[in-house]
N, C-alpha and C. Protein backbone atom coordinates (compact mmCIF):
# COMPACT_ATOMS: atom_id res chain seq x y z
N UNK A 1 0.85 -1.19 0.00
CA UNK A 1 0.00 0.00 0.00
C UNK A 1 0.88 1.24 0.00
N UNK A 2 0.56 2.19 -0.85
CA UNK A 2 1.35 3.41 -0.96
C UNK A 2 0.75 4.47 -0.05
N UNK A 3 1.49 4.83 1.00
CA UNK A 3 0.98 5.85 1.91
C UNK A 3 1.92 7.05 1.94
N UNK A 4 1.35 8.19 2.28
CA UNK A 4 2.12 9.42 2.43
C UNK A 4 2.42 9.62 3.91
N UNK A 5 3.68 9.88 4.23
CA UNK A 5 4.05 10.13 5.62
C UNK A 5 5.21 11.10 5.64
N UNK A 6 5.23 11.97 6.63
CA UNK A 6 6.31 12.94 6.75
C UNK A 6 6.97 12.81 8.12
N UNK A 7 8.22 12.36 8.12
CA UNK A 7 9.02 12.36 9.35
C UNK A 7 10.01 13.50 9.15
N UNK A 8 9.78 14.62 9.84
CA UNK A 8 10.55 15.84 9.60
C UNK A 8 12.03 15.63 9.94
N UNK A 9 12.87 16.53 9.41
CA UNK A 9 14.32 16.47 9.68
C UNK A 9 14.60 16.51 11.17
N UNK A 10 13.89 17.39 11.89
CA UNK A 10 14.13 17.51 13.34
C UNK A 10 13.75 16.23 14.06
N UNK A 11 12.67 15.57 13.62
CA UNK A 11 12.26 14.30 14.23
C UNK A 11 13.28 13.21 13.91
N UNK A 12 13.80 13.20 12.68
CA UNK A 12 14.81 12.21 12.32
C UNK A 12 16.07 12.38 13.17
N UNK A 13 16.49 13.62 13.37
CA UNK A 13 17.68 13.89 14.20
C UNK A 13 17.45 13.41 15.63
N UNK A 14 16.29 13.74 16.18
CA UNK A 14 15.96 13.36 17.55
C UNK A 14 15.92 11.83 17.70
N UNK A 15 15.22 11.16 16.79
CA UNK A 15 15.12 9.70 16.86
C UNK A 15 16.47 9.03 16.66
N UNK A 16 17.28 9.57 15.75
CA UNK A 16 18.62 9.01 15.53
C UNK A 16 19.45 9.11 16.80
N UNK A 17 19.29 10.23 17.54
CA UNK A 17 20.00 10.39 18.82
C UNK A 17 19.56 9.36 19.83
N UNK A 18 18.25 9.08 19.91
CA UNK A 18 17.75 8.05 20.83
C UNK A 18 18.27 6.67 20.45
N UNK A 19 18.25 6.37 19.15
CA UNK A 19 18.71 5.07 18.68
C UNK A 19 20.20 4.86 18.96
N UNK A 20 20.98 5.93 18.86
CA UNK A 20 22.43 5.84 19.09
C UNK A 20 22.74 5.48 20.54
N UNK A 21 21.82 5.79 21.45
CA UNK A 21 22.03 5.51 22.88
C UNK A 21 21.66 4.08 23.25
N UNK A 22 21.09 3.33 22.34
CA UNK A 22 20.68 1.95 22.63
C UNK A 22 21.90 1.04 22.70
N UNK A 23 21.82 0.05 23.58
CA UNK A 23 22.95 -0.86 23.76
C UNK A 23 23.06 -1.89 22.63
N UNK A 24 21.98 -2.08 21.87
CA UNK A 24 21.98 -3.04 20.77
C UNK A 24 22.25 -2.33 19.45
N UNK A 25 23.14 -2.87 18.64
CA UNK A 25 23.42 -2.29 17.32
C UNK A 25 22.26 -2.60 16.37
N UNK A 26 22.03 -1.70 15.43
CA UNK A 26 21.04 -1.96 14.39
C UNK A 26 19.60 -1.76 14.82
N UNK A 27 19.38 -1.06 15.93
CA UNK A 27 18.00 -0.81 16.38
C UNK A 27 17.34 0.19 15.43
N UNK A 28 16.11 -0.09 15.06
CA UNK A 28 15.33 0.78 14.18
C UNK A 28 14.11 1.28 14.94
N UNK A 29 13.19 1.86 14.19
CA UNK A 29 11.94 2.38 14.76
C UNK A 29 10.78 1.58 14.17
N UNK A 30 9.81 1.26 15.00
CA UNK A 30 8.58 0.60 14.54
C UNK A 30 7.42 1.55 14.81
N UNK A 31 6.54 1.68 13.85
CA UNK A 31 5.40 2.58 13.99
C UNK A 31 4.12 1.79 13.74
N UNK A 32 3.12 1.99 14.62
CA UNK A 32 1.86 1.25 14.51
C UNK A 32 0.77 2.03 15.22
N UNK A 33 -0.47 1.59 15.01
CA UNK A 33 -1.63 2.20 15.66
C UNK A 33 -2.30 1.14 16.51
N UNK A 34 -2.49 1.43 17.80
CA UNK A 34 -3.25 0.52 18.66
C UNK A 34 -4.73 0.87 18.55
N UNK A 35 -5.59 -0.12 18.58
CA UNK A 35 -7.03 0.04 18.43
C UNK A 35 -7.38 0.93 17.24
N UNK A 36 -6.78 0.63 16.05
CA UNK A 36 -7.02 1.48 14.89
C UNK A 36 -8.49 1.50 14.49
N UNK A 37 -8.91 2.65 13.97
CA UNK A 37 -10.28 2.77 13.50
C UNK A 37 -11.30 2.95 14.60
N UNK A 38 -10.84 3.19 15.85
CA UNK A 38 -11.76 3.45 16.96
C UNK A 38 -11.42 4.80 17.57
N UNK A 39 -12.31 5.29 18.43
CA UNK A 39 -12.03 6.58 19.07
C UNK A 39 -10.90 6.46 20.08
N UNK A 40 -10.47 5.23 20.40
CA UNK A 40 -9.38 5.01 21.35
C UNK A 40 -8.02 4.82 20.65
N UNK A 41 -7.99 4.99 19.34
CA UNK A 41 -6.77 4.74 18.57
C UNK A 41 -5.62 5.62 19.06
N UNK A 42 -4.44 5.02 19.16
CA UNK A 42 -3.23 5.77 19.49
C UNK A 42 -2.12 5.37 18.55
N UNK A 43 -1.40 6.36 18.05
CA UNK A 43 -0.28 6.11 17.15
C UNK A 43 0.98 6.01 18.00
N UNK A 44 1.75 4.93 17.79
CA UNK A 44 2.89 4.64 18.65
C UNK A 44 4.18 4.48 17.86
N UNK A 45 5.27 4.90 18.48
CA UNK A 45 6.62 4.63 18.00
C UNK A 45 7.29 3.75 19.04
N UNK A 46 8.03 2.75 18.59
CA UNK A 46 8.73 1.86 19.53
C UNK A 46 10.08 1.48 18.92
N UNK A 47 10.99 1.04 19.77
CA UNK A 47 12.25 0.51 19.27
C UNK A 47 11.98 -0.82 18.57
N UNK A 48 12.73 -1.08 17.52
CA UNK A 48 12.62 -2.35 16.79
C UNK A 48 14.03 -2.92 16.68
N UNK A 49 14.31 -3.91 17.55
CA UNK A 49 15.63 -4.53 17.54
C UNK A 49 15.74 -5.51 16.38
N UNK A 50 16.94 -5.78 15.90
CA UNK A 50 17.09 -6.74 14.80
C UNK A 50 16.40 -8.06 15.13
N UNK A 51 15.59 -8.54 14.20
CA UNK A 51 14.84 -9.78 14.42
C UNK A 51 13.41 -9.55 14.87
N UNK A 52 13.09 -8.32 15.32
CA UNK A 52 11.72 -8.03 15.77
C UNK A 52 10.81 -7.55 14.62
N UNK A 53 11.42 -7.25 13.47
CA UNK A 53 10.60 -6.81 12.34
C UNK A 53 9.80 -7.98 11.79
N UNK A 54 8.69 -7.66 11.14
CA UNK A 54 7.81 -8.69 10.57
C UNK A 54 8.00 -8.74 9.05
N UNK A 55 7.75 -9.90 8.46
CA UNK A 55 7.93 -10.08 7.02
C UNK A 55 7.07 -9.13 6.19
N UNK A 56 5.87 -8.81 6.69
CA UNK A 56 4.96 -7.99 5.90
C UNK A 56 5.00 -6.50 6.27
N UNK A 57 6.00 -6.09 7.07
CA UNK A 57 6.16 -4.68 7.41
C UNK A 57 6.48 -3.87 6.15
N UNK A 58 5.98 -2.67 6.11
CA UNK A 58 6.38 -1.70 5.09
C UNK A 58 7.61 -1.00 5.65
N UNK A 59 8.63 -0.78 4.83
CA UNK A 59 9.89 -0.19 5.33
C UNK A 59 10.10 1.18 4.71
N UNK A 60 10.42 2.15 5.57
CA UNK A 60 10.83 3.47 5.10
C UNK A 60 12.32 3.60 5.40
N UNK A 61 13.12 3.80 4.36
CA UNK A 61 14.57 3.96 4.52
C UNK A 61 14.88 5.45 4.67
N UNK A 62 15.36 5.84 5.83
CA UNK A 62 15.79 7.21 6.06
C UNK A 62 17.32 7.23 6.06
N UNK A 63 17.91 8.40 6.04
CA UNK A 63 19.37 8.47 5.93
C UNK A 63 20.09 7.85 7.13
N UNK A 64 19.50 7.92 8.34
CA UNK A 64 20.19 7.44 9.53
C UNK A 64 19.61 6.15 10.13
N UNK A 65 18.39 5.79 9.75
CA UNK A 65 17.77 4.58 10.30
C UNK A 65 16.58 4.17 9.45
N UNK A 66 16.01 3.01 9.78
CA UNK A 66 14.83 2.49 9.10
C UNK A 66 13.61 2.65 10.00
N UNK A 67 12.44 2.81 9.36
CA UNK A 67 11.17 2.80 10.08
C UNK A 67 10.35 1.65 9.52
N UNK A 68 9.93 0.75 10.41
CA UNK A 68 9.08 -0.37 10.02
C UNK A 68 7.63 -0.02 10.36
N UNK A 69 6.76 -0.08 9.36
CA UNK A 69 5.35 0.23 9.56
C UNK A 69 4.57 -1.08 9.58
N UNK A 70 3.78 -1.27 10.65
CA UNK A 70 2.97 -2.47 10.78
C UNK A 70 1.92 -2.50 9.67
N UNK A 71 1.81 -3.64 8.98
CA UNK A 71 0.91 -3.76 7.82
C UNK A 71 -0.53 -3.38 8.15
N UNK A 72 -1.06 -3.89 9.26
CA UNK A 72 -2.46 -3.61 9.62
C UNK A 72 -2.70 -2.13 9.92
N UNK A 73 -1.64 -1.40 10.25
CA UNK A 73 -1.78 0.01 10.59
C UNK A 73 -1.66 0.94 9.39
N UNK A 74 -1.25 0.41 8.23
CA UNK A 74 -0.95 1.28 7.08
C UNK A 74 -2.06 2.26 6.71
N UNK A 75 -3.33 1.83 6.55
CA UNK A 75 -4.34 2.82 6.15
C UNK A 75 -4.54 3.91 7.20
N UNK A 76 -4.23 3.58 8.45
CA UNK A 76 -4.43 4.52 9.56
C UNK A 76 -3.23 5.48 9.71
N UNK A 77 -2.10 5.11 9.09
CA UNK A 77 -0.89 5.94 9.17
C UNK A 77 -0.75 6.88 7.97
N UNK A 78 -1.64 6.75 6.98
CA UNK A 78 -1.57 7.61 5.81
C UNK A 78 -1.70 9.07 6.24
N UNK A 79 -0.85 9.92 5.70
CA UNK A 79 -0.81 11.37 5.98
C UNK A 79 -0.30 11.70 7.38
N UNK A 80 0.31 10.75 8.07
CA UNK A 80 0.85 11.02 9.41
C UNK A 80 2.08 11.94 9.30
N UNK A 81 2.25 12.75 10.35
CA UNK A 81 3.42 13.63 10.45
C UNK A 81 4.06 13.40 11.81
N UNK A 82 5.36 13.08 11.78
CA UNK A 82 6.14 12.94 13.00
C UNK A 82 7.07 14.14 13.04
N UNK A 83 7.02 14.91 14.12
CA UNK A 83 7.81 16.14 14.21
C UNK A 83 8.44 16.25 15.59
N UNK A 84 9.52 17.01 15.66
CA UNK A 84 10.16 17.31 16.95
C UNK A 84 10.33 18.81 17.04
N UNK A 85 9.75 19.40 18.09
CA UNK A 85 9.86 20.85 18.31
C UNK A 85 10.71 21.09 19.54
N UNK A 86 11.82 21.81 19.36
CA UNK A 86 12.71 22.13 20.49
C UNK A 86 12.07 23.21 21.35
N UNK A 87 12.30 23.12 22.65
CA UNK A 87 11.86 24.18 23.57
C UNK A 87 12.84 24.25 24.73
N UNK A 88 12.54 25.08 25.74
CA UNK A 88 13.45 25.29 26.87
C UNK A 88 13.70 24.01 27.65
N UNK A 89 12.74 23.10 27.65
CA UNK A 89 12.85 21.85 28.41
C UNK A 89 13.54 20.77 27.58
N UNK A 90 13.95 21.08 26.38
CA UNK A 90 14.58 20.10 25.51
C UNK A 90 13.81 19.94 24.22
N UNK A 91 12.53 19.59 24.34
CA UNK A 91 11.70 19.47 23.15
C UNK A 91 10.65 18.39 23.29
N UNK A 92 9.82 18.29 22.30
CA UNK A 92 8.74 17.30 22.34
C UNK A 92 8.54 16.70 20.96
N UNK A 93 8.46 15.35 20.95
CA UNK A 93 8.16 14.62 19.73
C UNK A 93 6.65 14.51 19.62
N UNK A 94 6.10 14.88 18.47
CA UNK A 94 4.65 14.79 18.27
C UNK A 94 4.35 13.92 17.06
N UNK A 95 3.25 13.20 17.14
CA UNK A 95 2.78 12.40 16.01
C UNK A 95 1.35 12.82 15.74
N UNK A 96 1.11 13.29 14.53
CA UNK A 96 -0.25 13.62 14.13
C UNK A 96 -0.63 12.62 13.04
N UNK A 97 -1.64 11.83 13.32
CA UNK A 97 -2.12 10.84 12.35
C UNK A 97 -3.62 11.05 12.16
N UNK A 98 -3.99 11.90 11.21
CA UNK A 98 -5.41 12.26 11.06
C UNK A 98 -6.33 11.10 10.72
N UNK A 99 -5.77 9.99 10.23
CA UNK A 99 -6.60 8.86 9.83
C UNK A 99 -6.54 7.69 10.81
N UNK A 100 -5.93 7.90 12.00
CA UNK A 100 -5.77 6.80 12.96
C UNK A 100 -7.11 6.29 13.49
N UNK A 101 -8.01 7.22 13.80
CA UNK A 101 -9.29 6.82 14.35
C UNK A 101 -10.25 6.32 13.26
N UNK A 102 -10.05 6.81 12.06
CA UNK A 102 -10.89 6.41 10.95
C UNK A 102 -10.10 6.63 9.66
N UNK A 103 -9.73 5.55 8.94
CA UNK A 103 -8.96 5.74 7.72
C UNK A 103 -9.77 6.42 6.63
N UNK A 104 -9.07 7.13 5.78
CA UNK A 104 -9.71 7.77 4.65
C UNK A 104 -10.32 6.70 3.76
N UNK A 105 -11.52 6.93 3.29
CA UNK A 105 -12.16 5.94 2.45
C UNK A 105 -12.44 6.52 1.07
N UNK A 106 -12.59 5.63 0.11
CA UNK A 106 -12.95 6.02 -1.25
C UNK A 106 -14.16 5.19 -1.66
N UNK A 107 -14.64 5.43 -2.86
CA UNK A 107 -15.79 4.66 -3.35
C UNK A 107 -15.43 3.19 -3.56
N UNK A 108 -14.11 2.87 -3.57
CA UNK A 108 -13.67 1.48 -3.70
C UNK A 108 -13.54 0.78 -2.34
N UNK A 109 -13.61 1.55 -1.25
CA UNK A 109 -13.48 0.97 0.09
C UNK A 109 -14.67 0.08 0.40
N UNK A 110 -14.50 -0.92 1.28
CA UNK A 110 -15.64 -1.76 1.67
C UNK A 110 -16.79 -0.90 2.21
N UNK A 111 -18.02 -1.34 1.96
CA UNK A 111 -19.21 -0.60 2.39
C UNK A 111 -19.18 -0.28 3.89
N UNK A 112 -18.73 -1.26 4.68
CA UNK A 112 -18.67 -1.07 6.13
C UNK A 112 -17.75 0.10 6.49
N UNK A 113 -16.59 0.22 5.83
CA UNK A 113 -15.66 1.33 6.09
C UNK A 113 -16.28 2.66 5.68
N UNK A 114 -17.00 2.67 4.55
CA UNK A 114 -17.64 3.91 4.10
C UNK A 114 -18.69 4.37 5.12
N UNK A 115 -19.49 3.43 5.63
CA UNK A 115 -20.53 3.76 6.61
C UNK A 115 -19.89 4.30 7.88
N UNK A 116 -18.88 3.59 8.40
CA UNK A 116 -18.21 4.04 9.62
C UNK A 116 -17.59 5.42 9.44
N UNK A 117 -17.04 5.68 8.27
CA UNK A 117 -16.41 6.97 8.02
C UNK A 117 -17.44 8.11 8.11
N UNK A 118 -18.60 7.91 7.48
CA UNK A 118 -19.66 8.94 7.53
C UNK A 118 -20.19 9.10 8.96
N UNK A 119 -20.37 7.98 9.67
CA UNK A 119 -20.83 8.07 11.06
C UNK A 119 -19.84 8.85 11.90
N UNK A 120 -18.55 8.55 11.73
CA UNK A 120 -17.51 9.14 12.56
C UNK A 120 -17.27 10.61 12.23
N UNK A 121 -17.25 10.96 10.93
CA UNK A 121 -16.85 12.31 10.54
C UNK A 121 -18.01 13.28 10.39
N UNK A 122 -19.22 12.77 10.08
CA UNK A 122 -20.33 13.69 9.81
C UNK A 122 -21.48 13.57 10.79
N UNK A 123 -21.87 12.36 11.15
CA UNK A 123 -23.08 12.18 11.96
C UNK A 123 -22.80 12.32 13.45
N UNK A 124 -21.81 11.60 13.96
CA UNK A 124 -21.55 11.65 15.41
C UNK A 124 -21.14 13.03 15.92
N UNK A 125 -20.37 13.84 15.16
CA UNK A 125 -20.08 15.19 15.68
C UNK A 125 -21.35 16.00 15.95
N UNK A 126 -22.40 15.82 15.12
CA UNK A 126 -23.68 16.51 15.34
C UNK A 126 -24.42 15.94 16.53
N UNK A 127 -24.41 14.61 16.68
CA UNK A 127 -25.12 13.98 17.80
C UNK A 127 -24.42 14.26 19.13
N UNK A 128 -23.10 14.51 19.07
CA UNK A 128 -22.32 14.72 20.31
C UNK A 128 -22.82 15.94 21.08
N UNK A 129 -23.40 16.92 20.39
CA UNK A 129 -23.90 18.12 21.08
C UNK A 129 -25.06 17.76 22.02
N UNK A 130 -25.69 16.62 21.79
CA UNK A 130 -26.77 16.13 22.67
C UNK A 130 -26.28 14.98 23.54
N UNK A 131 -24.97 14.75 23.53
CA UNK A 131 -24.41 13.65 24.31
C UNK A 131 -24.71 12.29 23.69
N UNK A 132 -25.03 12.29 22.40
CA UNK A 132 -25.40 11.04 21.74
C UNK A 132 -24.36 10.55 20.76
N UNK A 133 -24.56 9.33 20.30
CA UNK A 133 -23.71 8.74 19.27
C UNK A 133 -24.45 7.59 18.63
N UNK A 134 -23.99 7.21 17.46
CA UNK A 134 -24.55 6.04 16.77
C UNK A 134 -23.40 5.23 16.22
N UNK A 135 -23.53 3.91 16.27
CA UNK A 135 -22.47 3.04 15.77
C UNK A 135 -23.08 1.95 14.89
N UNK A 136 -22.24 1.42 14.01
CA UNK A 136 -22.67 0.34 13.12
C UNK A 136 -22.49 -0.98 13.85
N UNK A 137 -23.60 -1.70 14.05
CA UNK A 137 -23.54 -3.02 14.69
C UNK A 137 -23.13 -4.08 13.68
N UNK A 138 -23.77 -4.04 12.50
CA UNK A 138 -23.45 -5.00 11.46
C UNK A 138 -23.98 -4.51 10.13
N UNK A 139 -23.47 -5.08 9.07
CA UNK A 139 -23.98 -4.84 7.73
C UNK A 139 -24.51 -6.18 7.24
N UNK A 140 -25.82 -6.24 6.96
CA UNK A 140 -26.44 -7.52 6.58
C UNK A 140 -26.06 -7.88 5.13
N UNK A 141 -26.33 -9.13 4.78
CA UNK A 141 -26.08 -9.58 3.40
C UNK A 141 -26.90 -8.78 2.39
N UNK A 142 -28.03 -8.23 2.86
CA UNK A 142 -28.90 -7.43 1.98
C UNK A 142 -28.43 -5.97 1.91
N UNK A 143 -27.25 -5.69 2.50
CA UNK A 143 -26.66 -4.34 2.52
C UNK A 143 -27.52 -3.34 3.31
N UNK A 144 -28.08 -3.82 4.43
CA UNK A 144 -28.80 -2.96 5.36
C UNK A 144 -27.88 -2.70 6.54
N UNK A 145 -27.68 -1.44 6.87
CA UNK A 145 -26.83 -1.07 8.01
C UNK A 145 -27.65 -1.16 9.29
N UNK A 146 -27.20 -2.00 10.22
CA UNK A 146 -27.87 -2.15 11.50
C UNK A 146 -27.15 -1.23 12.48
N UNK A 147 -27.87 -0.22 12.98
CA UNK A 147 -27.27 0.82 13.81
C UNK A 147 -27.74 0.71 15.25
N UNK A 148 -26.86 1.18 16.17
CA UNK A 148 -27.22 1.25 17.58
C UNK A 148 -26.92 2.67 18.08
N UNK A 149 -27.95 3.29 18.65
CA UNK A 149 -27.78 4.62 19.23
C UNK A 149 -27.36 4.49 20.69
N UNK A 150 -26.58 5.46 21.16
CA UNK A 150 -26.16 5.44 22.55
C UNK A 150 -26.13 6.85 23.13
N UNK A 151 -25.82 6.93 24.42
CA UNK A 151 -25.77 8.24 25.09
C UNK A 151 -27.13 8.89 25.09
N UNK A 152 -27.17 10.19 24.77
CA UNK A 152 -28.41 10.95 24.80
C UNK A 152 -29.42 10.56 23.74
N UNK A 153 -28.99 9.75 22.76
CA UNK A 153 -29.93 9.32 21.70
C UNK A 153 -30.76 8.13 22.15
N UNK A 154 -30.23 7.33 23.07
CA UNK A 154 -30.97 6.15 23.51
C UNK A 154 -32.16 6.58 24.34
N UNK A 155 -33.37 6.19 23.91
CA UNK A 155 -34.58 6.54 24.65
C UNK A 155 -35.10 7.93 24.35
N UNK A 156 -34.42 8.68 23.49
CA UNK A 156 -34.86 10.03 23.13
C UNK A 156 -36.10 9.93 22.27
N UNK A 157 -37.15 10.71 22.62
CA UNK A 157 -38.40 10.60 21.87
C UNK A 157 -38.28 11.17 20.45
N UNK A 158 -37.21 11.92 20.18
CA UNK A 158 -37.01 12.47 18.83
C UNK A 158 -36.11 11.58 17.98
N UNK A 159 -35.80 10.37 18.47
CA UNK A 159 -34.84 9.52 17.76
C UNK A 159 -35.35 9.11 16.38
N UNK A 160 -36.67 8.95 16.21
CA UNK A 160 -37.20 8.58 14.89
C UNK A 160 -36.91 9.67 13.86
N UNK A 161 -37.05 10.92 14.29
CA UNK A 161 -36.76 12.05 13.40
C UNK A 161 -35.26 12.08 13.09
N UNK A 162 -34.44 11.90 14.13
CA UNK A 162 -32.99 11.89 13.94
C UNK A 162 -32.59 10.76 12.99
N UNK A 163 -33.18 9.59 13.19
CA UNK A 163 -32.84 8.43 12.36
C UNK A 163 -33.25 8.65 10.91
N UNK A 164 -34.51 9.02 10.68
CA UNK A 164 -35.02 9.15 9.30
C UNK A 164 -34.44 10.36 8.58
N UNK A 165 -34.56 11.54 9.20
CA UNK A 165 -34.18 12.78 8.53
C UNK A 165 -32.68 13.06 8.56
N UNK A 166 -32.00 12.52 9.55
CA UNK A 166 -30.58 12.81 9.67
C UNK A 166 -29.71 11.65 9.23
N UNK A 167 -29.68 10.62 10.05
CA UNK A 167 -28.75 9.51 9.85
C UNK A 167 -29.04 8.76 8.55
N UNK A 168 -30.28 8.30 8.38
CA UNK A 168 -30.61 7.51 7.20
C UNK A 168 -30.43 8.31 5.92
N UNK A 169 -30.94 9.54 5.90
CA UNK A 169 -30.83 10.37 4.70
C UNK A 169 -29.37 10.60 4.33
N UNK A 170 -28.54 10.90 5.33
CA UNK A 170 -27.12 11.16 5.07
C UNK A 170 -26.41 9.92 4.56
N UNK A 171 -26.63 8.78 5.23
CA UNK A 171 -25.95 7.55 4.82
C UNK A 171 -26.37 7.11 3.42
N UNK A 172 -27.67 7.14 3.13
CA UNK A 172 -28.14 6.70 1.82
C UNK A 172 -27.63 7.62 0.70
N UNK A 173 -27.49 8.91 1.02
CA UNK A 173 -26.98 9.85 0.03
C UNK A 173 -25.48 9.66 -0.21
N UNK A 174 -24.73 9.43 0.87
CA UNK A 174 -23.27 9.42 0.77
C UNK A 174 -22.66 8.05 0.54
N UNK A 175 -23.43 6.98 0.74
CA UNK A 175 -22.89 5.63 0.57
C UNK A 175 -23.70 4.88 -0.49
N UNK A 176 -23.31 5.04 -1.76
CA UNK A 176 -24.02 4.32 -2.83
C UNK A 176 -23.87 2.81 -2.59
N UNK A 177 -24.92 2.09 -2.82
CA UNK A 177 -24.86 0.64 -2.61
C UNK A 177 -25.50 0.22 -1.30
N UNK A 178 -25.73 1.18 -0.41
CA UNK A 178 -26.39 0.88 0.86
C UNK A 178 -27.90 0.79 0.61
N UNK A 179 -28.52 -0.32 1.04
CA UNK A 179 -29.94 -0.55 0.73
C UNK A 179 -30.88 0.08 1.76
N UNK A 180 -30.45 0.18 3.01
CA UNK A 180 -31.34 0.73 4.03
C UNK A 180 -30.69 0.74 5.40
N UNK A 181 -31.48 1.18 6.39
CA UNK A 181 -31.01 1.34 7.76
C UNK A 181 -31.98 0.63 8.69
N UNK A 182 -31.46 -0.01 9.74
CA UNK A 182 -32.32 -0.58 10.78
C UNK A 182 -31.75 -0.20 12.13
N UNK A 183 -32.60 0.24 13.04
CA UNK A 183 -32.20 0.64 14.39
C UNK A 183 -32.50 -0.51 15.35
N UNK A 184 -31.48 -0.98 16.08
CA UNK A 184 -31.70 -2.08 17.03
C UNK A 184 -31.58 -1.62 18.48
N UNK A 185 -31.59 -0.31 18.69
CA UNK A 185 -31.46 0.24 20.04
C UNK A 185 -32.71 -0.02 20.86
N UNK A 186 -32.53 -0.32 22.13
CA UNK A 186 -33.66 -0.44 23.06
C UNK A 186 -33.99 0.96 23.56
N UNK A 187 -34.99 1.59 22.96
CA UNK A 187 -35.31 2.98 23.33
C UNK A 187 -36.25 3.07 24.53
N UNK A 188 -36.52 1.92 25.20
CA UNK A 188 -37.30 1.99 26.44
C UNK A 188 -36.41 2.43 27.60
N UNK A 189 -35.09 2.36 27.41
CA UNK A 189 -34.14 2.84 28.43
C UNK A 189 -33.96 4.33 28.20
N UNK A 190 -34.44 5.14 29.16
CA UNK A 190 -34.48 6.59 28.94
C UNK A 190 -33.65 7.41 29.94
N UNK A 191 -32.84 6.75 30.79
CA UNK A 191 -32.12 7.48 31.84
C UNK A 191 -31.29 8.65 31.31
N UNK A 192 -30.60 8.46 30.17
CA UNK A 192 -29.70 9.50 29.66
C UNK A 192 -30.28 10.24 28.45
N UNK A 193 -31.55 10.02 28.16
CA UNK A 193 -32.14 10.59 26.94
C UNK A 193 -32.05 12.11 26.95
N UNK A 194 -31.72 12.66 25.78
CA UNK A 194 -31.62 14.10 25.63
C UNK A 194 -32.98 14.75 25.70
N UNK A 195 -33.98 14.13 25.09
CA UNK A 195 -35.32 14.71 25.06
C UNK A 195 -36.33 13.60 25.32
N UNK A 196 -37.20 13.82 26.33
CA UNK A 196 -38.24 12.83 26.63
C UNK A 196 -39.59 13.51 26.49
N UNK A 197 -40.52 12.82 25.87
CA UNK A 197 -41.86 13.40 25.67
C UNK A 197 -42.64 13.35 26.96
């Protein structure tokens, strides 16, 4: 997979300095995302000693060291920037990976990824203002998205309007090939509902 990544000169210098302090020769850097594609995703850098690399790793050859990218993390590392900013305390290494929580999708991406992308980037930010969220439970063989509402949306008396006019309309418009939407939330639970009739 061809991904775009920028490891700035200052970050390369900083990482090369850390690698030089290691007691093992030939130590490289390994980059991966834990819990990729979720709101808990974290982009990580770790030491990679000789023999710890995997056969299917993507390799970036830099002038002073190698970076091994975990295969499963590749779509989530696209457009990542690793930078080092010097300050009075020495400096700070930062990793910005805009696609870690949700990889960029195209019309060729699996239907499930397209649905999750729209939920994550367009629908949930709007629902968050009411303390709500919606997630994809499953995609049926008939291409029906089975959704579950949570937070302030669960038990909310306006959820039918939100589902039909907001979520369903947006998903059907933005995800060609999706046949329909089904809500499997138990809306009799109203403790956290944003609006109760």
